[in-house]
Amino acid sequence: MIDAWNSQLIHGRPWMDGTSIAGSSAREHMVRLFSAYNYAIKSGIL
């Protein structure tokens, strides 16, 4: 699911009329998501 979401960010988002975002912005979103997952794992939430 995460890979599909990342691909949609780069190649076109259906919820935004098919527009995409810059690759650097998509990478930044992935970094933030990765950080949130790491925090949740370290905190025992996941």
PDB file of N, CA and C in Angstrom:
ATOM      1  N   MET A   1       0.815  -1.187   0.000  1.00  0.00           N
ATOM      2  CA  MET A   1       0.000   0.000   0.000  1.00  0.00           C
ATOM      3  C   MET A   1       0.864   1.259   0.000  1.00  0.00           C
ATOM      4  N   ILE A   2       1.922   1.235   0.762  1.00  0.00           N
ATOM      5  CA  ILE A   2       2.780   2.411   0.843  1.00  0.00           C
ATOM      6  C   ILE A   2       3.485   2.664  -0.487  1.00  0.00           C
ATOM      7  N   ASP A   3       3.947   1.594  -1.133  1.00  0.00           N
ATOM      8  CA  ASP A   3       4.580   1.756  -2.440  1.00  0.00           C
ATOM      9  C   ASP A   3       3.583   2.297  -3.470  1.00  0.00           C
ATOM     10  N   ALA A   4       2.355   1.822  -3.412  1.00  0.00           N
ATOM     11  CA  ALA A   4       1.330   2.308  -4.337  1.00  0.00           C
ATOM     12  C   ALA A   4       1.040   3.786  -4.085  1.00  0.00           C
ATOM     13  N   TRP A   5       0.967   4.170  -2.825  1.00  0.00           N
ATOM     14  CA  TRP A   5       0.729   5.582  -2.479  1.00  0.00           C
ATOM     15  C   TRP A   5       1.870   6.450  -2.983  1.00  0.00           C
ATOM     16  N   ASN A   6       3.103   6.001  -2.788  1.00  0.00           N
ATOM     17  CA  ASN A   6       4.266   6.747  -3.254  1.00  0.00           C
ATOM     18  C   ASN A   6       4.234   6.897  -4.779  1.00  0.00           C
ATOM     19  N   SER A   7       3.890   5.830  -5.454  1.00  0.00           N
ATOM     20  CA  SER A   7       3.790   5.881  -6.913  1.00  0.00           C
ATOM     21  C   SER A   7       2.720   6.874  -7.352  1.00  0.00           C
ATOM     22  N   GLN A   8       1.601   6.899  -6.654  1.00  0.00           N
ATOM     23  CA  GLN A   8       0.538   7.860  -6.982  1.00  0.00           C
ATOM     24  C   GLN A   8       1.004   9.289  -6.760  1.00  0.00           C
ATOM     25  N   LEU A   9       1.780   9.518  -5.725  1.00  0.00           N
ATOM     26  CA  LEU A   9       2.304  10.867  -5.495  1.00  0.00           C
ATOM     27  C   LEU A   9       3.152  11.330  -6.668  1.00  0.00           C
ATOM     28  N   ILE A  10       3.961  10.429  -7.194  1.00  0.00           N
ATOM     29  CA  ILE A  10       4.897  10.781  -8.257  1.00  0.00           C
ATOM     30  C   ILE A  10       4.234  10.797  -9.635  1.00  0.00           C
ATOM     31  N   HIS A  11       3.346   9.832  -9.883  1.00  0.00           N
ATOM     32  CA  HIS A  11       2.804   9.654 -11.236  1.00  0.00           C
ATOM     33  C   HIS A  11       1.392  10.199 -11.426  1.00  0.00           C
ATOM     34  N   GLY A  12       0.745  10.604 -10.367  1.00  0.00           N
ATOM     35  CA  GLY A  12      -0.598  11.164 -10.490  1.00  0.00           C
ATOM     36  C   GLY A  12      -1.505  10.670  -9.379  1.00  0.00           C
ATOM     37  N   ARG A  13      -2.091  11.622  -8.694  1.00  0.00           N
ATOM     38  CA  ARG A  13      -2.949  11.297  -7.547  1.00  0.00           C
ATOM     39  C   ARG A  13      -4.412  11.343  -7.979  1.00  0.00           C
ATOM     40  N   PRO A  14      -5.134  10.213  -7.917  1.00  0.00           N
ATOM     41  CA  PRO A  14      -6.536  10.192  -8.346  1.00  0.00           C
ATOM     42  C   PRO A  14      -7.414  11.162  -7.550  1.00  0.00           C
ATOM     43  N   TRP A  15      -7.066  11.403  -6.301  1.00  0.00           N
ATOM     44  CA  TRP A  15      -7.871  12.289  -5.465  1.00  0.00           C
ATOM     45  C   TRP A  15      -7.593  13.765  -5.756  1.00  0.00           C
ATOM     46  N   MET A  16      -6.598  14.040  -6.622  1.00  0.00           N
ATOM     47  CA  MET A  16      -6.259  15.420  -6.991  1.00  0.00           C
ATOM     48  C   MET A  16      -6.293  15.590  -8.512  1.00  0.00           C
ATOM     49  N   ASP A  17      -7.284  14.999  -9.147  1.00  0.00           N
ATOM     50  CA  ASP A  17      -7.469  15.095 -10.602  1.00  0.00           C
ATOM     51  C   ASP A  17      -6.249  14.639 -11.390  1.00  0.00           C
ATOM     52  N   GLY A  18      -5.508  13.674 -10.870  1.00  0.00           N
ATOM     53  CA  GLY A  18      -4.382  13.100 -11.578  1.00  0.00           C
ATOM     54  C   GLY A  18      -3.085  13.893 -11.519  1.00  0.00           C
ATOM     55  N   THR A  19      -3.057  14.969 -10.731  1.00  0.00           N
ATOM     56  CA  THR A  19      -1.825  15.745 -10.631  1.00  0.00           C
ATOM     57  C   THR A  19      -0.806  15.002  -9.764  1.00  0.00           C
ATOM     58  N   SER A  20       0.454  15.307  -9.994  1.00  0.00           N
ATOM     59  CA  SER A  20       1.525  14.674  -9.223  1.00  0.00           C
ATOM     60  C   SER A  20       2.283  15.740  -8.440  1.00  0.00           C
ATOM     61  N   ILE A  21       3.236  15.272  -7.638  1.00  0.00           N
ATOM     62  CA  ILE A  21       4.114  16.188  -6.919  1.00  0.00           C
ATOM     63  C   ILE A  21       5.550  15.877  -7.332  1.00  0.00           C
ATOM     64  N   ALA A  22       6.448  16.757  -7.014  1.00  0.00           N
ATOM     65  CA  ALA A  22       7.859  16.557  -7.354  1.00  0.00           C
ATOM     66  C   ALA A  22       8.407  15.328  -6.626  1.00  0.00           C
ATOM     67  N   GLY A  23       9.355  14.684  -7.265  1.00  0.00           N
ATOM     68  CA  GLY A  23       9.977  13.509  -6.658  1.00  0.00           C
ATOM     69  C   GLY A  23      10.589  13.808  -5.303  1.00  0.00           C
ATOM     70  N   SER A  24      11.185  14.991  -5.157  1.00  0.00           N
ATOM     71  CA  SER A  24      11.788  15.352  -3.867  1.00  0.00           C
ATOM     72  C   SER A  24      10.718  15.502  -2.783  1.00  0.00           C
ATOM     73  N   SER A  25       9.553  16.001  -3.149  1.00  0.00           N
ATOM     74  CA  SER A  25       8.452  16.123  -2.180  1.00  0.00           C
ATOM     75  C   SER A  25       7.925  14.746  -1.801  1.00  0.00           C
ATOM     76  N   ALA A  26       7.818  13.852  -2.766  1.00  0.00           N
ATOM     77  CA  ALA A  26       7.366  12.489  -2.481  1.00  0.00           C
ATOM     78  C   ALA A  26       8.354  11.798  -1.543  1.00  0.00           C
ATOM     79  N   ARG A  27       9.656  11.982  -1.788  1.00  0.00           N
ATOM     80  CA  ARG A  27      10.667  11.400  -0.890  1.00  0.00           C
ATOM     81  C   ARG A  27      10.529  11.958   0.523  1.00  0.00           C
ATOM     82  N   GLU A  28      10.266  13.244   0.647  1.00  0.00           N
ATOM     83  CA  GLU A  28      10.099  13.861   1.966  1.00  0.00           C
ATOM     84  C   GLU A  28       8.897  13.264   2.699  1.00  0.00           C
ATOM     85  N   HIS A  29       7.817  13.020   1.978  1.00  0.00           N
ATOM     86  CA  HIS A  29       6.646  12.378   2.596  1.00  0.00           C
ATOM     87  C   HIS A  29       6.999  10.968   3.087  1.00  0.00           C
ATOM     88  N   MET A  30       7.784  10.244   2.292  1.00  0.00           N
ATOM     89  CA  MET A  30       8.185   8.898   2.693  1.00  0.00           C
ATOM     90  C   MET A  30       9.083   8.941   3.930  1.00  0.00           C
ATOM     91  N   VAL A  31       9.989   9.906   3.999  1.00  0.00           N
ATOM     92  CA  VAL A  31      10.867  10.051   5.164  1.00  0.00           C
ATOM     93  C   VAL A  31      10.026  10.312   6.417  1.00  0.00           C
ATOM     94  N   ARG A  32       9.049  11.179   6.300  1.00  0.00           N
ATOM     95  CA  ARG A  32       8.188  11.477   7.455  1.00  0.00           C
ATOM     96  C   ARG A  32       7.388  10.262   7.881  1.00  0.00           C
ATOM     97  N   LEU A  33       6.852   9.519   6.916  1.00  0.00           N
ATOM     98  CA  LEU A  33       6.099   8.313   7.235  1.00  0.00           C
ATOM     99  C   LEU A  33       7.001   7.280   7.903  1.00  0.00           C
ATOM    100  N   PHE A  34       8.212   7.096   7.375  1.00  0.00           N
ATOM    101  CA  PHE A  34       9.181   6.173   7.949  1.00  0.00           C
ATOM    102  C   PHE A  34       9.499   6.560   9.393  1.00  0.00           C
ATOM    103  N   SER A  35       9.677   7.843   9.634  1.00  0.00           N
ATOM    104  CA  SER A  35       9.967   8.331  10.991  1.00  0.00           C
ATOM    105  C   SER A  35       8.810   8.054  11.934  1.00  0.00           C
ATOM    106  N   ALA A  36       7.599   8.255  11.465  1.00  0.00           N
ATOM    107  CA  ALA A  36       6.424   7.997  12.296  1.00  0.00           C
ATOM    108  C   ALA A  36       6.317   6.513  12.639  1.00  0.00           C
ATOM    109  N   TYR A  37       6.561   5.648  11.659  1.00  0.00           N
ATOM    110  CA  TYR A  37       6.540   4.207  11.921  1.00  0.00           C
ATOM    111  C   TYR A  37       7.624   3.816  12.921  1.00  0.00           C
ATOM    112  N   ASN A  38       8.817   4.331  12.750  1.00  0.00           N
ATOM    113  CA  ASN A  38       9.903   4.023  13.689  1.00  0.00           C
ATOM    114  C   ASN A  38       9.546   4.472  15.096  1.00  0.00           C
ATOM    115  N   TYR A  39       8.977   5.662  15.239  1.00  0.00           N
ATOM    116  CA  TYR A  39       8.570   6.140  16.558  1.00  0.00           C
ATOM    117  C   TYR A  39       7.516   5.213  17.159  1.00  0.00           C
ATOM    118  N   ALA A  40       6.537   4.818  16.355  1.00  0.00           N
ATOM    119  CA  ALA A  40       5.480   3.944  16.862  1.00  0.00           C
ATOM    120  C   ALA A  40       6.035   2.595  17.296  1.00  0.00           C
ATOM    121  N   ILE A  41       6.995   2.080  16.574  1.00  0.00           N
ATOM    122  CA  ILE A  41       7.597   0.796  16.934  1.00  0.00           C
ATOM    123  C   ILE A  41       8.415   0.939  18.223  1.00  0.00           C
ATOM    124  N   LYS A  42       9.231   1.965  18.306  1.00  0.00           N
ATOM    125  CA  LYS A  42      10.068   2.182  19.492  1.00  0.00           C
ATOM    126  C   LYS A  42       9.228   2.465  20.733  1.00  0.00           C
ATOM    127  N   SER A  43       8.063   3.084  20.535  1.00  0.00           N
ATOM    128  CA  SER A  43       7.180   3.417  21.655  1.00  0.00           C
ATOM    129  C   SER A  43       6.270   2.273  22.064  1.00  0.00           C
ATOM    130  N   GLY A  44       6.288   1.206  21.283  1.00  0.00           N
ATOM    131  CA  GLY A  44       5.455   0.051  21.607  1.00  0.00           C
ATOM    132  C   GLY A  44       4.022   0.197  21.092  1.00  0.00           C
ATOM    133  N   ILE A  45       3.771   1.189  20.289  1.00  0.00           N
ATOM    134  CA  ILE A  45       2.428   1.373  19.725  1.00  0.00           C
ATOM    135  C   ILE A  45       2.170   0.323  18.648  1.00  0.00           C
ATOM    136  N   LEU A  46       3.200   0.021  17.881  1.00  0.00           N
ATOM    137  CA  LEU A  46       3.116  -1.035  16.848  1.00  0.00           C
ATOM    138  C   LEU A  46       4.022  -2.176  17.210  1.00  0.00           C
TER     139      LEU A  46
END
